[in-house]
Structures are given as C-alpha cells and as structure tokens.
N, C-alpha and C. Protein backbone atom coordinates (compact mmCIF):
# COMPACT_ATOMS: atom_id res chain seq x y z
N MET A 1 0.80 -1.28 0.07
CA MET A 1 -0.11 -0.24 0.11
C MET A 1 1.02 1.32 0.14
N LEU A 2 1.91 1.42 0.78
CA LEU A 2 2.63 2.53 0.91
C LEU A 2 3.37 2.74 -0.26
N LEU A 3 3.86 1.43 -1.10
CA LEU A 3 4.68 1.62 -2.07
C LEU A 3 3.76 2.31 -3.25
N MET A 4 2.32 2.03 -3.01
CA MET A 4 1.62 2.52 -4.11
C MET A 4 1.31 4.01 -4.04
N VAL A 5 0.96 4.34 -2.74
CA VAL A 5 1.01 5.91 -2.61
C VAL A 5 2.22 6.51 -2.77
N LEU A 6 3.21 5.96 -2.64
CA LEU A 6 4.67 6.68 -3.10
C LEU A 6 4.82 6.90 -4.64
N ARG A 7 4.12 5.94 -5.25
CA ARG A 7 4.12 5.77 -6.64
C ARG A 7 3.35 6.96 -7.22
N VAL A 8 1.88 7.14 -6.64
CA VAL A 8 0.93 8.07 -7.17
C VAL A 8 1.69 9.42 -6.80
N PHE A 9 2.17 9.72 -5.63
CA PHE A 9 2.69 10.88 -5.07
C PHE A 9 3.88 11.39 -6.02
N THR A 10 4.95 10.54 -6.63
CA THR A 10 6.12 10.87 -7.56
C THR A 10 5.38 11.12 -8.81
N GLY A 11 4.44 10.38 -9.28
CA GLY A 11 3.84 10.75 -10.63
C GLY A 11 2.94 12.14 -10.48
N LEU A 12 2.45 12.44 -9.36
CA LEU A 12 1.82 13.81 -9.47
C LEU A 12 2.83 14.87 -9.34
N ALA A 13 3.97 14.52 -8.65
CA ALA A 13 5.01 15.55 -8.75
C ALA A 13 5.60 15.92 -10.04
N SER A 14 6.01 14.87 -10.77
CA SER A 14 6.20 15.01 -12.09
C SER A 14 5.17 15.77 -13.05
N ARG A 15 3.95 15.59 -12.93
CA ARG A 15 2.93 16.24 -13.57
C ARG A 15 2.96 17.77 -13.20
N PHE A 16 3.06 17.95 -11.97
CA PHE A 16 3.25 19.35 -11.51
C PHE A 16 4.49 20.08 -12.17
N ARG A 17 5.41 19.17 -12.12
CA ARG A 17 6.79 19.69 -13.02
C ARG A 17 6.50 19.93 -14.21
N ASN A 18 5.82 19.50 -14.97
CA ASN A 18 5.43 19.52 -16.42
C ASN A 18 4.79 20.88 -16.76
N VAL A 19 4.02 20.96 -15.73
CA VAL A 19 2.74 22.18 -15.63
C VAL A 19 3.97 23.46 -15.48
N TYR A 20 4.70 23.21 -14.29
CA TYR A 20 5.40 24.19 -13.88
C TYR A 20 6.44 24.75 -15.10
N PHE A 21 7.22 24.04 -15.64
CA PHE A 21 8.18 24.11 -16.64
C PHE A 21 7.89 24.72 -17.84
N ARG A 22 6.27 24.33 -18.05
CA ARG A 22 5.56 24.79 -19.51
C ARG A 22 5.13 26.13 -19.19
N VAL A 23 4.89 26.54 -18.26
CA VAL A 23 4.38 27.90 -17.92
C VAL A 23 5.62 28.82 -18.03
N LEU A 24 6.78 28.32 -17.34
CA LEU A 24 8.03 29.15 -17.44
C LEU A 24 8.39 29.21 -18.89
N GLY A 25 7.96 28.12 -19.65
CA GLY A 25 8.42 28.74 -21.41
C GLY A 25 9.17 27.42 -21.83
N VAL A 26 9.38 26.42 -21.17
CA VAL A 26 9.87 25.24 -21.81
C VAL A 26 9.07 24.37 -22.74
N ARG A 27 9.74 24.24 -23.90
CA ARG A 27 9.01 23.83 -25.03
C ARG A 27 8.85 22.21 -24.70
N MET A 28 7.82 21.58 -24.47
CA MET A 28 7.74 20.17 -24.43
C MET A 28 6.51 19.63 -25.15
N ASN A 29 7.01 18.63 -26.11
CA ASN A 29 6.43 17.89 -26.65
C ASN A 29 5.55 16.74 -26.21
N GLY A 30 4.68 16.71 -25.62
CA GLY A 30 4.16 15.54 -24.84
C GLY A 30 4.70 15.63 -23.38
N TYR A 31 4.36 14.36 -22.53
CA TYR A 31 4.46 14.30 -21.17
C TYR A 31 6.11 13.89 -20.96
N ALA A 32 6.83 14.58 -19.92
CA ALA A 32 8.21 14.33 -19.74
C ALA A 32 8.07 13.65 -18.29
N TRP A 33 8.68 12.61 -18.04
CA TRP A 33 8.96 12.17 -16.88
C TRP A 33 9.99 12.91 -15.86
N LEU A 34 9.88 13.81 -14.86
CA LEU A 34 10.84 14.95 -14.58
C LEU A 34 11.00 14.56 -12.70
N ARG A 35 11.93 14.14 -12.13
CA ARG A 35 12.23 13.79 -11.02
C ARG A 35 13.36 14.86 -10.88
N GLY A 36 12.99 16.04 -9.78
CA GLY A 36 14.01 16.97 -9.57
C GLY A 36 14.62 17.69 -10.44
N VAL A 37 14.40 18.11 -11.68
CA VAL A 37 15.13 18.60 -12.73
C VAL A 37 15.36 20.07 -12.32
N GLU A 38 16.37 20.69 -12.61
CA GLU A 38 17.07 22.04 -12.47
C GLU A 38 17.09 22.61 -13.76
N ILE A 39 16.61 23.69 -14.03
CA ILE A 39 16.51 24.62 -15.01
C ILE A 39 16.63 25.96 -14.38
N PRO A 40 17.96 26.37 -14.27
CA PRO A 40 18.08 27.66 -13.79
C PRO A 40 17.62 28.94 -14.43
N ARG A 41 17.27 28.89 -15.90
CA ARG A 41 17.47 30.21 -16.44
C ARG A 41 17.13 29.59 -18.12
N ASN A 42 16.69 30.99 -18.75
CA ASN A 42 16.35 30.58 -20.12
C ASN A 42 15.50 29.59 -20.58
N TYR A 43 14.18 29.38 -20.08
CA TYR A 43 13.39 28.27 -20.02
C TYR A 43 13.07 27.93 -21.49
N SER A 44 12.92 29.05 -22.24
CA SER A 44 12.40 28.93 -23.72
C SER A 44 13.72 28.26 -24.31
N ASP A 45 14.93 28.15 -24.03
CA ASP A 45 16.05 27.67 -24.72
C ASP A 45 16.01 26.05 -24.72
N ILE A 46 15.16 25.41 -24.03
CA ILE A 46 14.94 24.06 -23.60
C ILE A 46 13.80 23.29 -24.35
N GLN A 47 14.15 22.44 -25.23
CA GLN A 47 12.82 21.72 -25.82
C GLN A 47 12.98 20.23 -25.34
N LEU A 48 11.96 19.60 -24.76
CA LEU A 48 11.93 18.16 -24.54
C LEU A 48 10.88 17.52 -25.17
N GLY A 49 11.39 16.21 -25.62
CA GLY A 49 10.04 15.54 -26.47
C GLY A 49 9.73 14.63 -24.98
N LYS A 50 9.08 13.40 -25.26
CA LYS A 50 8.82 12.54 -24.16
C LYS A 50 9.96 11.74 -23.73
N VAL A 51 10.29 12.16 -22.66
CA VAL A 51 11.68 11.72 -22.10
C VAL A 51 11.84 11.44 -20.57
N SER A 52 12.72 11.06 -20.27
CA SER A 52 12.78 10.48 -18.58
C SER A 52 14.11 11.21 -18.02
N LEU A 53 14.03 12.32 -17.26
CA LEU A 53 14.80 13.01 -16.62
C LEU A 53 14.85 12.44 -15.11
N ASP A 54 15.96 11.86 -14.76
CA ASP A 54 15.89 11.72 -13.27
C ASP A 54 16.50 12.64 -12.26
N ARG A 55 16.45 12.57 -10.83
CA ARG A 55 16.75 13.49 -9.68
C ARG A 55 18.07 14.20 -10.39
N GLY A 56 18.42 15.52 -10.06
CA GLY A 56 19.44 16.08 -10.12
C GLY A 56 19.97 16.48 -11.43
N VAL A 57 19.15 16.31 -12.44
CA VAL A 57 19.63 16.53 -13.96
C VAL A 57 19.31 17.95 -14.19
N VAL A 58 20.34 18.67 -14.56
CA VAL A 58 20.46 20.23 -14.86
C VAL A 58 20.82 20.50 -16.33
N LEU A 59 20.07 21.33 -16.58
CA LEU A 59 19.68 21.77 -17.94
C LEU A 59 19.80 23.41 -17.91
N LEU A 60 21.24 23.84 -18.55
CA LEU A 60 21.94 25.21 -18.08
C LEU A 60 21.92 25.56 -19.53
N SER A 61 21.27 26.80 -20.05
CA SER A 61 21.67 27.51 -21.08
C SER A 61 22.12 28.90 -20.75
N SER A 62 23.40 29.11 -21.42
CA SER A 62 24.32 30.30 -20.94
C SER A 62 23.93 31.44 -21.92
N GLY A 63 24.00 32.70 -21.62
CA GLY A 63 23.80 33.74 -22.61
C GLY A 63 22.39 34.06 -22.54
N GLU A 64 21.92 35.13 -23.57
CA GLU A 64 20.90 35.81 -23.76
C GLU A 64 19.76 34.59 -24.36
N ALA A 65 18.64 34.61 -23.90
CA ALA A 65 17.72 33.92 -24.41
C ALA A 65 17.74 33.90 -25.91
N SER A 66 17.14 32.60 -26.62
CA SER A 66 17.38 32.37 -28.01
C SER A 66 15.82 32.05 -28.57
N ASP A 67 15.76 32.29 -29.73
CA ASP A 67 14.18 31.61 -30.36
C ASP A 67 14.37 30.39 -30.50
N GLN A 68 15.47 29.81 -31.01
CA GLN A 68 15.86 28.43 -31.04
C GLN A 68 15.95 27.76 -29.87
N PRO A 69 16.09 26.24 -29.69
CA PRO A 69 16.33 25.61 -28.58
C PRO A 69 18.15 25.50 -28.47
N ARG A 70 18.28 25.97 -27.28
CA ARG A 70 19.84 25.25 -27.27
C ARG A 70 20.12 24.04 -26.68
N ILE A 71 19.02 23.48 -25.79
CA ILE A 71 18.92 22.04 -25.45
C ILE A 71 17.84 21.57 -26.02
N LEU A 72 17.97 20.66 -26.82
CA LEU A 72 16.99 19.61 -27.61
C LEU A 72 17.21 18.35 -27.35
N ILE A 73 16.42 17.83 -26.57
CA ILE A 73 16.25 16.17 -25.99
C ILE A 73 14.92 15.70 -26.75
N GLU A 74 15.21 14.69 -27.77
CA GLU A 74 14.19 14.10 -28.55
C GLU A 74 13.22 13.04 -27.75
N ASP A 75 12.59 12.41 -28.13
CA ASP A 75 11.51 11.27 -27.67
C ASP A 75 12.37 10.18 -27.10
N GLY A 76 12.11 9.42 -26.00
CA GLY A 76 12.88 8.20 -25.68
C GLY A 76 13.93 8.37 -25.10
N VAL A 77 14.54 9.49 -24.83
CA VAL A 77 15.72 9.56 -24.27
C VAL A 77 15.58 9.24 -22.82
N TYR A 78 16.45 8.85 -21.86
CA TYR A 78 16.60 8.71 -20.55
C TYR A 78 18.21 9.35 -19.81
N ILE A 79 17.92 10.34 -19.26
CA ILE A 79 19.27 10.86 -18.52
C ILE A 79 19.20 10.71 -17.17
N ASN A 80 20.27 9.77 -16.64
CA ASN A 80 20.37 9.55 -15.39
C ASN A 80 20.74 10.44 -14.14
N ARG A 81 20.66 10.45 -12.89
CA ARG A 81 20.89 11.21 -11.95
C ARG A 81 21.95 12.06 -12.05
N HIS A 82 21.90 13.30 -11.83
CA HIS A 82 23.14 14.06 -11.51
C HIS A 82 24.04 14.59 -12.79
N THR A 83 23.16 14.33 -14.11
CA THR A 83 23.72 14.66 -15.16
C THR A 83 23.35 16.33 -15.64
N PHE A 84 24.73 16.84 -16.07
CA PHE A 84 24.57 18.28 -16.39
C PHE A 84 24.80 18.31 -17.98
N LEU A 85 23.65 19.23 -18.39
CA LEU A 85 23.82 19.70 -20.09
C LEU A 85 24.13 21.36 -19.99
N ASP A 86 25.03 21.72 -20.48
CA ASP A 86 25.56 22.76 -20.37
C ASP A 86 25.93 23.58 -21.59
N ALA A 87 24.82 24.39 -22.25
CA ALA A 87 24.89 25.01 -23.67
C ALA A 87 24.81 26.33 -23.66
N SER A 88 25.65 26.93 -24.57
CA SER A 88 25.77 28.10 -24.98
C SER A 88 25.26 28.21 -26.74
N GLU A 89 25.36 27.07 -27.23
CA GLU A 89 25.14 27.10 -28.95
C GLU A 89 24.02 26.38 -28.88
N HIS A 90 24.46 25.12 -28.99
CA HIS A 90 23.20 23.82 -29.18
C HIS A 90 23.79 22.51 -28.93
N ILE A 91 23.06 21.78 -27.82
CA ILE A 91 23.08 20.30 -27.54
C ILE A 91 21.92 19.30 -28.13
N ARG A 92 22.14 18.57 -28.86
CA ARG A 92 21.03 17.68 -29.30
C ARG A 92 21.25 16.18 -28.60
N VAL A 93 20.31 15.80 -28.14
CA VAL A 93 20.18 14.23 -27.79
C VAL A 93 19.13 13.52 -28.51
N LYS A 94 19.69 12.75 -29.42
CA LYS A 94 18.68 12.43 -30.51
C LYS A 94 17.73 11.16 -29.69
N SER A 95 16.68 10.78 -30.61
CA SER A 95 15.64 9.49 -30.01
C SER A 95 16.25 8.21 -29.24
N GLY A 96 15.88 7.95 -28.25
CA GLY A 96 16.42 6.53 -27.62
C GLY A 96 17.64 6.67 -27.17
N ALA A 97 18.33 8.00 -26.94
CA ALA A 97 19.62 7.79 -26.17
C ALA A 97 19.60 7.56 -24.63
N MET A 98 20.68 6.92 -24.16
CA MET A 98 20.52 6.84 -22.58
C MET A 98 21.91 7.24 -22.16
N ILE A 99 21.94 7.88 -21.11
CA ILE A 99 23.03 8.80 -20.44
C ILE A 99 22.76 8.64 -18.95
N GLY A 100 24.07 7.85 -18.81
CA GLY A 100 24.29 7.24 -17.25
C GLY A 100 24.41 8.64 -16.16
N PRO A 101 24.50 8.27 -14.90
CA PRO A 101 24.60 9.06 -14.02
C PRO A 101 26.03 9.69 -14.00
N PHE A 102 25.84 11.04 -13.46
CA PHE A 102 27.00 12.10 -13.31
C PHE A 102 27.88 12.47 -14.75
N CYS A 103 27.03 12.49 -15.66
CA CYS A 103 27.75 12.80 -16.97
C CYS A 103 27.91 14.26 -16.75
N TYR A 104 28.66 14.89 -18.07
CA TYR A 104 28.75 16.38 -18.13
C TYR A 104 28.87 16.45 -19.68
N ILE A 105 27.90 17.24 -20.30
CA ILE A 105 27.90 17.39 -21.84
C ILE A 105 27.87 18.97 -21.90
N THR A 106 28.53 19.23 -22.92
CA THR A 106 28.93 20.78 -23.05
C THR A 106 29.13 20.95 -24.48
N ASP A 107 28.81 22.22 -24.68
CA ASP A 107 29.00 22.82 -26.52
C ASP A 107 29.98 23.91 -26.40
N HIS A 108 30.71 24.12 -25.35
CA HIS A 108 31.33 25.47 -25.17
C HIS A 108 32.50 25.26 -24.34
N ASP A 109 33.58 26.05 -24.64
CA ASP A 109 34.64 26.38 -23.35
C ASP A 109 35.03 27.80 -23.35
N HIS A 110 35.94 28.31 -22.81
CA HIS A 110 36.36 29.74 -22.51
C HIS A 110 37.38 30.00 -23.79
N ALA A 111 37.47 31.11 -24.40
CA ALA A 111 38.33 31.31 -25.13
C ALA A 111 39.75 31.68 -24.39
N MET A 112 41.09 31.02 -25.12
CA MET A 112 41.91 31.16 -24.32
C MET A 112 43.22 31.87 -25.27
N SER A 113 44.06 32.74 -24.82
CA SER A 113 45.07 33.27 -25.68
C SER A 113 46.04 32.16 -26.12
N PRO A 114 47.11 32.35 -26.98
CA PRO A 114 47.97 31.33 -27.34
C PRO A 114 48.66 31.04 -26.33
N ASP A 115 49.04 31.67 -25.26
CA ASP A 115 49.79 31.19 -24.09
C ASP A 115 49.10 30.29 -23.21
N GLY A 116 47.62 29.93 -23.53
CA GLY A 116 46.97 29.12 -22.53
C GLY A 116 46.17 29.83 -21.44
N VAL A 117 46.15 31.10 -21.37
CA VAL A 117 45.49 32.14 -20.23
C VAL A 117 44.26 32.30 -20.93
N ASP A 118 43.14 32.54 -20.09
CA ASP A 118 41.77 32.95 -20.45
C ASP A 118 41.94 34.42 -20.81
N SER A 119 41.65 34.48 -21.90
CA SER A 119 41.53 36.00 -22.60
C SER A 119 40.36 36.70 -22.38
N GLY A 120 39.37 36.18 -21.35
CA GLY A 120 38.27 37.16 -21.15
C GLY A 120 37.30 37.39 -22.40
N GLY A 121 37.72 36.54 -23.56
CA GLY A 121 36.78 36.76 -24.65
C GLY A 121 35.69 36.07 -24.83
N GLY A 122 35.16 35.48 -23.46
CA GLY A 122 33.72 34.73 -23.40
C GLY A 122 33.98 33.21 -23.54
N LEU A 123 32.63 32.84 -24.23
CA LEU A 123 33.06 31.38 -24.53
C LEU A 123 32.87 31.36 -26.03
N VAL A 124 33.45 30.02 -26.34
CA VAL A 124 33.75 29.61 -27.44
C VAL A 124 32.92 28.30 -27.88
N GLY A 125 31.95 28.28 -28.78
CA GLY A 125 31.13 27.26 -28.85
C GLY A 125 31.03 26.50 -30.07
N LYS A 126 30.57 25.35 -30.30
CA LYS A 126 30.45 24.49 -31.41
C LYS A 126 29.32 23.23 -31.19
N PRO A 127 28.32 23.41 -31.97
CA PRO A 127 27.26 22.31 -31.49
C PRO A 127 27.89 21.00 -30.98
N THR A 128 27.10 20.33 -30.35
CA THR A 128 27.30 18.80 -29.56
C THR A 128 25.96 18.07 -29.85
N VAL A 129 26.32 16.85 -30.54
CA VAL A 129 25.36 15.75 -30.99
C VAL A 129 25.58 14.59 -30.36
N ILE A 130 24.41 13.80 -29.57
CA ILE A 130 24.43 12.52 -29.16
C ILE A 130 23.52 12.03 -29.96
N GLY A 131 23.82 10.78 -30.65
CA GLY A 131 23.22 9.99 -31.67
C GLY A 131 22.10 9.40 -30.97
N ALA A 132 21.18 8.81 -31.96
CA ALA A 132 19.88 8.09 -31.67
C ALA A 132 20.55 6.59 -30.96
N LYS A 133 19.94 6.38 -30.12
CA LYS A 133 19.91 4.96 -29.20
C LYS A 133 21.49 4.89 -28.82
N ALA A 134 22.31 5.90 -28.57
CA ALA A 134 23.74 5.87 -28.19
C ALA A 134 23.67 5.69 -26.67
N TRP A 135 24.65 4.93 -26.17
CA TRP A 135 24.52 4.91 -24.63
C TRP A 135 25.81 5.49 -23.88
N LEU A 136 25.63 6.24 -23.12
CA LEU A 136 26.79 6.87 -22.55
C LEU A 136 26.78 6.42 -20.96
N GLY A 137 28.08 5.93 -20.66
CA GLY A 137 27.86 5.10 -19.01
C GLY A 137 28.18 6.42 -18.10
N ALA A 138 28.28 6.01 -16.94
CA ALA A 138 28.38 6.96 -15.64
C ALA A 138 29.78 7.86 -16.05
N HIS A 139 29.52 9.14 -15.21
CA HIS A 139 30.64 10.02 -15.38
C HIS A 139 31.61 10.21 -16.68
N VAL A 140 30.80 10.24 -17.92
CA VAL A 140 31.19 10.35 -19.14
C VAL A 140 31.16 12.03 -19.24
N THR A 141 32.39 12.47 -19.81
CA THR A 141 32.31 14.05 -20.30
C THR A 141 32.36 13.95 -21.77
N VAL A 142 31.44 14.91 -22.29
CA VAL A 142 31.45 14.97 -23.73
C VAL A 142 31.70 16.51 -24.10
N LEU A 143 32.71 17.00 -24.94
CA LEU A 143 33.07 18.44 -24.86
C LEU A 143 32.59 18.85 -26.03
N LYS A 144 32.91 19.92 -26.35
CA LYS A 144 32.31 21.03 -27.41
C LYS A 144 32.46 20.33 -28.97
N GLY A 145 31.53 20.46 -29.76
CA GLY A 145 31.61 20.20 -31.13
C GLY A 145 31.95 18.51 -31.32
N VAL A 146 31.54 17.90 -30.32
CA VAL A 146 31.64 16.37 -30.55
C VAL A 146 30.34 15.73 -31.13
N ALA A 147 30.56 14.92 -32.24
CA ALA A 147 29.31 14.03 -32.65
C ALA A 147 29.31 12.85 -32.23
N ILE A 148 28.62 12.47 -31.56
CA ILE A 148 28.58 10.72 -30.97
C ILE A 148 27.48 9.89 -32.09
N GLY A 149 28.07 9.21 -32.76
CA GLY A 149 27.24 8.83 -33.62
C GLY A 149 25.90 7.61 -33.19
N ASP A 150 25.06 7.37 -34.02
CA ASP A 150 23.82 6.62 -33.49
C ASP A 150 24.50 5.09 -33.03
N GLY A 151 23.52 4.60 -32.16
CA GLY A 151 23.98 3.36 -31.49
C GLY A 151 25.44 3.11 -30.88
N ALA A 152 26.17 4.37 -30.57
CA ALA A 152 27.66 4.10 -30.05
C ALA A 152 27.53 4.09 -28.52
N LEU A 153 28.33 3.08 -27.93
CA LEU A 153 28.48 2.94 -26.81
C LEU A 153 29.81 3.95 -25.79
N ILE A 154 29.59 4.58 -25.16
CA ILE A 154 30.77 5.29 -24.56
C ILE A 154 30.96 4.59 -23.02
N GLY A 155 32.47 4.12 -22.79
CA GLY A 155 32.34 3.30 -21.66
C GLY A 155 32.43 4.60 -20.60
N ALA A 156 32.42 3.87 -19.16
CA ALA A 156 32.00 4.75 -17.85
C ALA A 156 33.32 5.51 -17.90
N GLY A 157 33.33 6.94 -17.52
CA GLY A 157 34.50 7.76 -16.95
C GLY A 157 35.31 8.08 -18.33
N SER A 158 34.74 7.89 -19.46
CA SER A 158 35.61 8.40 -20.71
C SER A 158 35.13 10.00 -20.84
N VAL A 159 36.54 10.45 -21.57
CA VAL A 159 36.27 12.00 -21.56
C VAL A 159 36.40 11.94 -23.53
N VAL A 160 35.32 12.52 -24.03
CA VAL A 160 34.97 12.46 -25.67
C VAL A 160 35.38 13.69 -26.22
N THR A 161 36.68 13.78 -26.71
CA THR A 161 37.12 15.21 -27.39
C THR A 161 37.04 15.13 -28.69
N LYS A 162 36.45 14.06 -29.44
CA LYS A 162 36.72 13.89 -30.88
C LYS A 162 35.20 13.22 -31.21
N ASP A 163 34.57 13.47 -32.47
CA ASP A 163 33.54 12.49 -33.07
C ASP A 163 33.90 11.15 -33.06
N VAL A 164 32.87 10.38 -32.73
CA VAL A 164 32.86 8.81 -32.58
C VAL A 164 31.54 8.39 -33.32
N PRO A 165 32.12 7.58 -34.17
CA PRO A 165 31.13 6.99 -35.35
C PRO A 165 30.22 5.99 -34.79
N GLY A 166 28.98 5.94 -35.20
CA GLY A 166 27.90 5.03 -34.90
C GLY A 166 28.24 3.58 -34.72
N ASP A 167 27.60 2.91 -34.00
CA ASP A 167 27.70 1.60 -33.77
C ASP A 167 28.98 0.89 -33.45
N CYS A 168 29.67 1.48 -32.69
CA CYS A 168 31.02 1.33 -32.02
C CYS A 168 30.99 1.58 -30.60
N VAL A 169 32.15 1.00 -30.04
CA VAL A 169 32.53 1.25 -28.58
C VAL A 169 33.67 2.09 -28.26
N ALA A 170 33.73 3.09 -27.84
CA ALA A 170 34.68 4.16 -27.52
C ALA A 170 34.86 4.16 -25.78
N VAL A 171 35.92 4.21 -25.55
CA VAL A 171 36.52 4.34 -24.10
C VAL A 171 37.88 5.05 -23.85
N GLY A 172 38.11 5.75 -22.43
CA GLY A 172 39.27 6.28 -22.30
C GLY A 172 39.40 7.85 -22.17
N ASN A 173 40.38 8.10 -21.99
CA ASN A 173 40.62 9.66 -21.82
C ASN A 173 41.96 10.09 -22.57
N PRO A 174 42.00 10.61 -23.60
CA PRO A 174 40.91 10.83 -24.43
C PRO A 174 39.93 9.46 -25.01
N ALA A 175 38.68 9.58 -25.35
CA ALA A 175 37.86 8.23 -25.73
C ALA A 175 38.36 7.88 -27.14
N ARG A 176 38.64 6.60 -27.07
CA ARG A 176 39.11 6.12 -28.45
C ARG A 176 38.23 4.79 -28.70
N VAL A 177 38.14 4.77 -30.01
CA VAL A 177 37.19 3.60 -30.69
C VAL A 177 38.04 2.41 -30.35
N ILE A 178 37.44 1.28 -29.68
CA ILE A 178 38.18 -0.06 -29.38
C ILE A 178 37.26 -1.11 -30.24
N LYS A 179 36.06 -1.09 -30.59
CA LYS A 179 35.56 -2.05 -31.16
C LYS A 179 34.45 -1.69 -31.96
N GLN A 180 34.19 -2.26 -33.10
CA GLN A 180 32.87 -1.77 -34.03
C GLN A 180 31.87 -3.18 -33.55
N LEU A 181 30.57 -2.47 -33.58
CA LEU A 181 29.37 -3.41 -33.31
C LEU A 181 28.78 -3.99 -34.52
N ASP A 182 28.10 -4.89 -34.34
CA ASP A 182 27.58 -5.72 -35.43
C ASP A 182 26.28 -4.98 -35.78
C-alpha cells in the first residue's frame, strides 16, 4: 500500500513539474517524466520530447535567451541522476539515447590566448550531438563540437574530445574507438 501511495505521489509531482516548466516557457512535446530537474534560466531555450529525466539533472543555457532551442532532447531519451547539460550554442540528444549518472555534456569552453591563459573573450561554442540509441556510461564527459554516432557506446569515465562513429564502442581519456559493433 505504501509503495502504491509513493508511486502516485511521484507521478503527481512529475506532472506538476511538467506544468510548472511549461508555464515558465520550456517547450515540451508531450509528457516528460521529470524527477527533481533543475533549469536555472532561459527556459525557452529548452525543448523536451517524451523523455525521462532523473533527480539532479541540470539543463543550463548560458547567454541571452534564444528563439531556437539550445538544448533539444528528443523522444525516448533517458538521462540518469546528476547529469549536467551546459549549452551556449546547441546540444542535441537524439531519440532513444541513454545517458548514465554524473555525466557532463557541453558545447563550449572559454576563449584562451595562445599562451593558454583565459583571454576574457567569453565562450567559444560548437554544437554537440548525441546520436540516436547511443549509450553513455557513468561519469562520461562530452566536450564541445563532438558528434557521437547513432548506436555508439561510450564507456564509463571516458572523456569524448572527438567525433565517435555510430555502432562502435569508445573508452578512455581521451576516448578512442576499441570495437565496431555488428
């Protein structure tokens, strides 16, 4: 009985979050399962399909608000606990992708002078894409301008600095392809 009451309560809380974020301007294409998701600002920069976002997921859009979504998460995506999507240009997570806990996905870094010192020039961005049915293990970091192909698997703790083709396994820091999937 207690488990049933808890389920009903979490379902109602998720529905409340759907209404709350829609009112703030988040674009939602259907119902999203939202458990303690944080969107600190620029609500209209976020577009969600029919997704599941677990506790502690942060969707951050930096800079002035945009007419186009900076963070686009398509249908069937699951993002596990305490994952951070940090966008200044565009991050797209395609349909059916699964992202493990404690991941960090960004599309920018800070402008640096040739001697490696922060030049104060603001952010330098390039779009980042996570392919359809791709799977990112726990603690994966995906840096700016990276495209992870459809069906790719990224091993836990990997740092993805370059594109990863579809249907392969990549691991390490920096991530390297170790296996092609059938």
